[in-house]
Protein backbone atom coordinates (compact mmCIF):
# COMPACT_ATOMS: atom_id res chain seq x y z
CA MET A 1 15.97 -15.30 31.06
CA LYS A 2 12.56 -13.32 32.20
CA THR A 3 13.62 -10.38 31.01
CA MET A 4 14.36 -12.31 27.35
CA SER A 5 11.07 -13.99 28.24
CA THR A 6 9.05 -10.49 27.98
CA LEU A 7 11.17 -9.23 25.26
CA LEU A 8 10.84 -12.28 22.43
CA ALA A 9 7.28 -11.80 23.85
CA LEU A 10 6.41 -8.06 23.27
CA LEU A 11 7.68 -8.77 19.90
CA LEU A 12 5.63 -12.07 18.65
CA LEU A 13 2.38 -9.71 19.44
CA PHE A 14 3.67 -6.75 18.00
CA SER A 15 4.83 -7.74 14.98
CA PRO A 16 1.96 -7.85 12.57
CA ILE A 17 1.33 -4.18 13.67
CA ALA A 18 4.13 -3.48 12.83
CA ALA A 19 3.86 -4.18 9.47
CA ASP A 20 0.64 -2.31 8.84
CA LEU A 21 2.14 1.00 10.66
CA CYS A 22 4.75 0.59 7.92
CA TRP A 23 2.42 -0.34 4.67
CA ALA A 24 0.95 3.06 5.40
CA GLN A 25 3.67 4.66 5.77
CA THR A 26 5.01 3.61 2.26
CA ALA A 27 1.37 3.87 0.90
CA ARG A 28 1.67 6.55 -1.84
CA LYS A 29 -0.83 9.16 -3.58
CA THR A 30 -2.30 8.60 -6.63
CA THR A 31 -0.75 11.46 -9.57
CA VAL A 32 -2.64 12.67 -11.54
CA ALA A 33 -2.74 16.21 -13.58
CA ILE A 34 -6.52 17.73 -15.12
CA LEU A 35 -6.93 19.10 -18.01
CA ASP A 36 -8.73 22.11 -18.84
CA LEU A 37 -12.59 22.08 -19.33
CA GLU A 38 -13.73 22.10 -22.42
CA PRO A 39 -16.56 25.16 -22.84
CA LYS A 40 -19.91 24.37 -24.81
CA GLY A 41 -22.30 27.65 -23.73
CA VAL A 42 -19.89 28.85 -20.56
CA PRO A 43 -17.78 31.52 -20.87
CA GLU A 44 -13.83 30.25 -20.69
CA THR A 45 -12.49 32.42 -17.85
CA GLU A 46 -15.43 30.89 -15.47
CA VAL A 47 -14.14 27.52 -17.07
CA SER A 48 -11.47 27.96 -16.66
CA ALA A 49 -12.37 28.62 -12.85
CA LEU A 50 -14.20 25.42 -12.62
CA SER A 51 -11.43 23.62 -13.81
CA ASP A 52 -8.17 25.11 -10.78
CA ARG A 53 -11.02 24.48 -8.37
CA LEU A 54 -11.41 20.50 -9.70
CA ARG A 55 -7.75 20.32 -9.07
CA THR A 56 -8.08 21.90 -5.81
CA GLU A 57 -10.37 19.20 -4.63
CA LEU A 58 -8.25 16.58 -6.22
CA PHE A 59 -5.65 17.32 -4.00
CA ARG A 60 -7.62 17.77 -1.00
CA THR A 61 -9.53 14.62 -0.74
CA GLY A 62 -6.03 13.29 0.51
CA VAL A 63 -5.78 9.75 -2.77
CA PHE A 64 -4.80 12.56 -5.69
CA ASP A 65 -1.05 14.44 -5.91
CA ALA A 66 -2.46 16.06 -8.04
CA MET A 67 0.27 18.27 -10.94
CA GLU A 68 -0.43 22.73 -11.29
CA ARG A 69 -1.47 23.33 -14.66
CA GLY A 70 1.71 25.48 -14.26
CA LYS A 71 4.28 22.32 -13.70
CA MET A 72 2.42 21.12 -16.52
CA GLN A 73 2.01 22.87 -19.03
CA ASP A 74 6.21 23.79 -18.88
CA ILE A 75 7.02 19.99 -18.84
CA LEU A 76 4.95 19.52 -22.26
CA LYS A 77 7.12 22.93 -24.04
CA GLU A 78 10.01 21.20 -22.97
CA GLN A 79 9.10 17.72 -24.33
CA GLY A 80 8.31 20.02 -27.16
CA PHE A 81 4.46 18.89 -27.37
CA GLN A 82 2.79 20.56 -29.93
CA GLN A 83 -0.93 20.72 -30.52
CA SER A 84 -3.53 22.08 -32.65
CA GLY A 85 -6.77 23.54 -30.86
CA ALA A 86 -8.08 22.10 -27.75
CA CYS A 87 -6.67 18.83 -26.08
CA ASN A 88 -10.22 17.33 -25.84
CA THR A 89 -9.53 13.40 -26.29
CA ASP A 90 -9.09 10.97 -25.04
CA ALA A 91 -6.06 10.27 -27.14
CA CYS A 92 -4.75 13.48 -26.44
CA ALA A 93 -5.31 13.48 -22.99
CA MET A 94 -3.29 9.97 -22.88
CA GLU A 95 -0.61 11.50 -25.19
CA VAL A 96 -0.07 14.20 -22.30
CA GLY A 97 -0.41 12.15 -19.12
CA GLN A 98 2.88 9.92 -20.80
CA LEU A 99 4.55 12.29 -21.52
CA ILE A 100 4.18 14.70 -18.25
CA GLY A 101 4.62 11.06 -16.35
CA VAL A 102 1.50 10.82 -14.29
CA GLU A 103 -1.15 8.08 -13.97
CA LYS A 104 -4.18 8.74 -14.33
CA MET A 105 -5.65 11.71 -16.80
CA VAL A 106 -9.28 13.83 -15.72
CA SER A 107 -10.57 15.59 -18.36
CA GLY A 108 -14.17 16.46 -19.76
CA SER A 109 -16.14 19.33 -20.41
CA LEU A 110 -18.83 22.08 -19.04
CA GLY A 111 -21.64 22.81 -21.25
CA LYS A 112 -24.73 24.76 -20.02
CA VAL A 113 -28.55 24.16 -22.06
CA GLY A 114 -31.57 26.65 -21.06
CA LYS A 115 -31.11 27.01 -17.21
CA THR A 116 -28.89 23.84 -16.72
CA TYR A 117 -25.09 23.40 -16.35
CA THR A 118 -23.17 20.70 -16.69
CA VAL A 119 -20.59 19.19 -16.00
CA ASN A 120 -19.04 15.71 -17.92
CA ILE A 121 -15.80 14.65 -16.43
CA ARG A 122 -13.64 11.05 -17.10
CA MET A 123 -10.85 9.70 -15.32
CA ILE A 124 -8.12 7.67 -18.04
CA ASP A 125 -5.72 5.47 -17.10
CA VAL A 126 -2.30 6.78 -18.70
CA ARG A 127 -0.71 3.44 -19.32
CA THR A 128 -3.46 0.92 -20.49
CA GLY A 129 -5.87 4.38 -21.94
CA ARG A 130 -9.15 2.99 -20.27
CA ILE A 131 -11.37 5.27 -18.86
CA GLU A 132 -11.72 4.08 -15.80
CA ARG A 133 -14.40 6.37 -14.59
CA SER A 134 -16.70 9.02 -15.43
CA VAL A 135 -18.96 11.80 -13.66
CA THR A 136 -21.67 13.37 -14.63
CA GLU A 137 -23.18 16.45 -12.86
CA ASP A 138 -26.34 18.16 -13.97
CA TYR A 139 -26.76 21.75 -11.45
CA THR A 140 -29.58 24.05 -12.52
CA GLY A 141 -29.33 27.30 -11.27
CA GLU A 142 -26.04 29.91 -10.98
CA ILE A 143 -22.45 28.80 -12.18
CA ASP A 144 -21.49 29.19 -8.49
CA LYS A 145 -22.80 26.52 -7.18
CA LEU A 146 -20.90 24.81 -8.95
CA LEU A 147 -17.79 26.22 -7.60
CA THR A 148 -18.45 25.44 -4.19
CA THR A 149 -20.88 22.43 -4.00
CA VAL A 150 -20.18 20.34 -7.36
CA MET A 151 -16.57 20.39 -8.23
CA LYS A 152 -16.30 19.00 -4.63
CA ASN A 153 -18.79 16.41 -5.12
CA VAL A 154 -17.10 14.80 -8.49
CA ALA A 155 -13.42 15.35 -7.27
CA TYR A 156 -14.39 12.74 -4.07
CA THR A 157 -16.54 10.65 -6.37
CA LEU A 158 -13.56 10.55 -8.28
CA ALA A 159 -11.47 8.85 -5.17
CA ALA A 160 -13.58 6.93 -4.23
CA SER A 161 -13.46 4.96 -7.32
CA VAL A 162 -8.96 4.99 -7.34
CA GLN A 163 -9.95 3.34 -4.18
CA SER A 164 -12.30 0.68 -4.78
CA ASP A 165 -9.76 -0.01 -7.32
CA ALA A 166 -6.80 0.40 -4.46
CA ALA A 167 -8.80 -1.75 -1.93
CA PRO A 168 -8.08 -5.69 -3.78
CA LYS A 169 -4.58 -4.68 -4.50
CA LYS A 170 -4.56 -4.16 -1.04
CA GLN A 171 -5.72 -7.42 -0.16
CA GLU A 172 -4.49 -9.41 -2.67
CA LYS A 173 -1.31 -8.39 -1.85
CA LYS A 174 -1.63 -9.74 1.62
CA VAL A 175 -2.72 -13.39 0.11
CA ASN A 176 0.08 -13.16 -1.66
CA GLN A 177 2.06 -12.04 1.73
CA GLN A 178 0.79 -15.61 3.52
CA ALA A 179 1.29 -17.38 0.31
CA LEU A 180 4.64 -16.93 0.73
CA LYS A 181 4.26 -17.72 4.43
CA SER A 182 2.68 -21.69 3.87
CA ASP A 183 4.02 -24.74 3.43
CA SER A 184 2.99 -26.96 -0.36
CA GLY A 185 1.51 -29.06 2.58
CA SER A 186 -0.93 -27.61 5.27
CA GLY A 187 -0.67 -24.67 3.72
CA LYS A 188 1.61 -23.02 7.40
CA LYS A 189 4.95 -23.09 7.87
CA PRO A 190 5.86 -25.71 10.74
CA ILE A 191 6.69 -23.40 14.62
CA TYR A 192 10.26 -24.15 13.84
CA ALA A 193 10.25 -22.96 9.86
CA LYS A 194 10.06 -19.84 11.62
CA TRP A 195 13.08 -17.52 12.58
CA TRP A 196 11.64 -16.29 15.77
CA PHE A 197 11.67 -20.08 16.86
CA TRP A 198 15.07 -20.24 16.29
CA GLY A 199 15.67 -16.99 17.85
CA GLY A 200 13.98 -17.89 20.48
CA VAL A 201 15.64 -21.36 21.46
CA GLY A 202 19.24 -19.85 20.70
CA VAL A 203 18.54 -17.25 23.72
CA LEU A 204 17.26 -19.59 25.75
CA ALA A 205 20.15 -22.20 24.85
CA ALA A 206 22.19 -19.51 25.94
CA GLY A 207 20.65 -18.86 29.25
CA GLY A 208 20.93 -22.25 29.66
CA ALA A 209 24.82 -22.63 29.09
CA VAL A 210 25.20 -19.54 31.25
CA ALA A 211 23.80 -20.74 34.39
CA ALA A 212 25.43 -24.08 33.73
CA LEU A 213 28.72 -22.82 33.78
CA ALA A 214 27.65 -20.66 37.25
CA GLY A 215 26.79 -23.14 39.26
CA GLY A 216 30.06 -26.10 37.79
CA SER A 217 29.14 -29.60 38.60
CA SER A 218 27.01 -31.36 40.66
CA THR A 219 29.00 -35.21 40.36
CA THR A 220 30.34 -37.47 42.59
CA ASP A 221 33.48 -39.60 42.40
CA GLU A 222 32.88 -42.95 42.97
CA PRO A 223 34.89 -45.95 43.34
CA PRO A 224 34.46 -48.16 41.24
CA PRO A 225 32.88 -50.89 41.89
CA THR A 226 35.18 -54.78 42.81
CA THR A 227 34.44 -58.22 41.05
CA ASP A 228 36.07 -61.35 43.22
CA THR A 229 38.32 -62.62 41.20
CA ALA A 230 39.51 -65.77 43.68
CA ILE A 231 38.78 -68.92 42.89
CA PRO A 232 36.55 -71.31 45.14
CA LEU A 233 37.56 -74.72 46.27
CA PRO A 234 36.20 -77.95 45.38
CA PRO A 235 33.60 -79.69 47.40
CA THR A 236 34.91 -81.59 50.12
CA ARG A 237 33.90 -85.65 50.82
CA PRO A 238 32.07 -86.42 53.07
């Protein structure tokens, strides 16, 4: 019985931890695809290289599951997608995202004015078509810095945006779970409504039954009390 009580206590103690671990294991990354940036005064070969680096940096954040450009092009070809010119509008990005089956689309442009490079990136929710985050990075200097630093900054800014949006949803999920466990009256289920309570009662009852069978009966048979049924004699006169 002592062992069973200890196991029951450990189960109750670690059940919240096990629930959090299960949630962490089932959490998944956000699927995203990146369209090649639109070049504005920058050679297309360099823009293509920077677009590939942005894909890599988004994947490295651990928040996104970024689709490769080759796979995206293969799917669009199979779907018969045809677009005249560059796909640099939000409507086009949304259409592409729906065809390839991702949650987010990232598009934008890379321009140069004088010695200053300007990176404009926007992340679009494919389901709603809403621009969830817009990022602008300006850099004056050699274009190499865009490859090694700027694209990483953009990727982590987008990742932080997704995480901040996911935090309220996670909190709402916990609140809903707590609400399902609560009573309509006091806001909390009584202990007798918990599954583990009845499980413990069953274990204790089974243990008591075994103990009773092992110990046997401790009662003794006693004769029933006797009752005097004799009729009393009438009183005598003096």
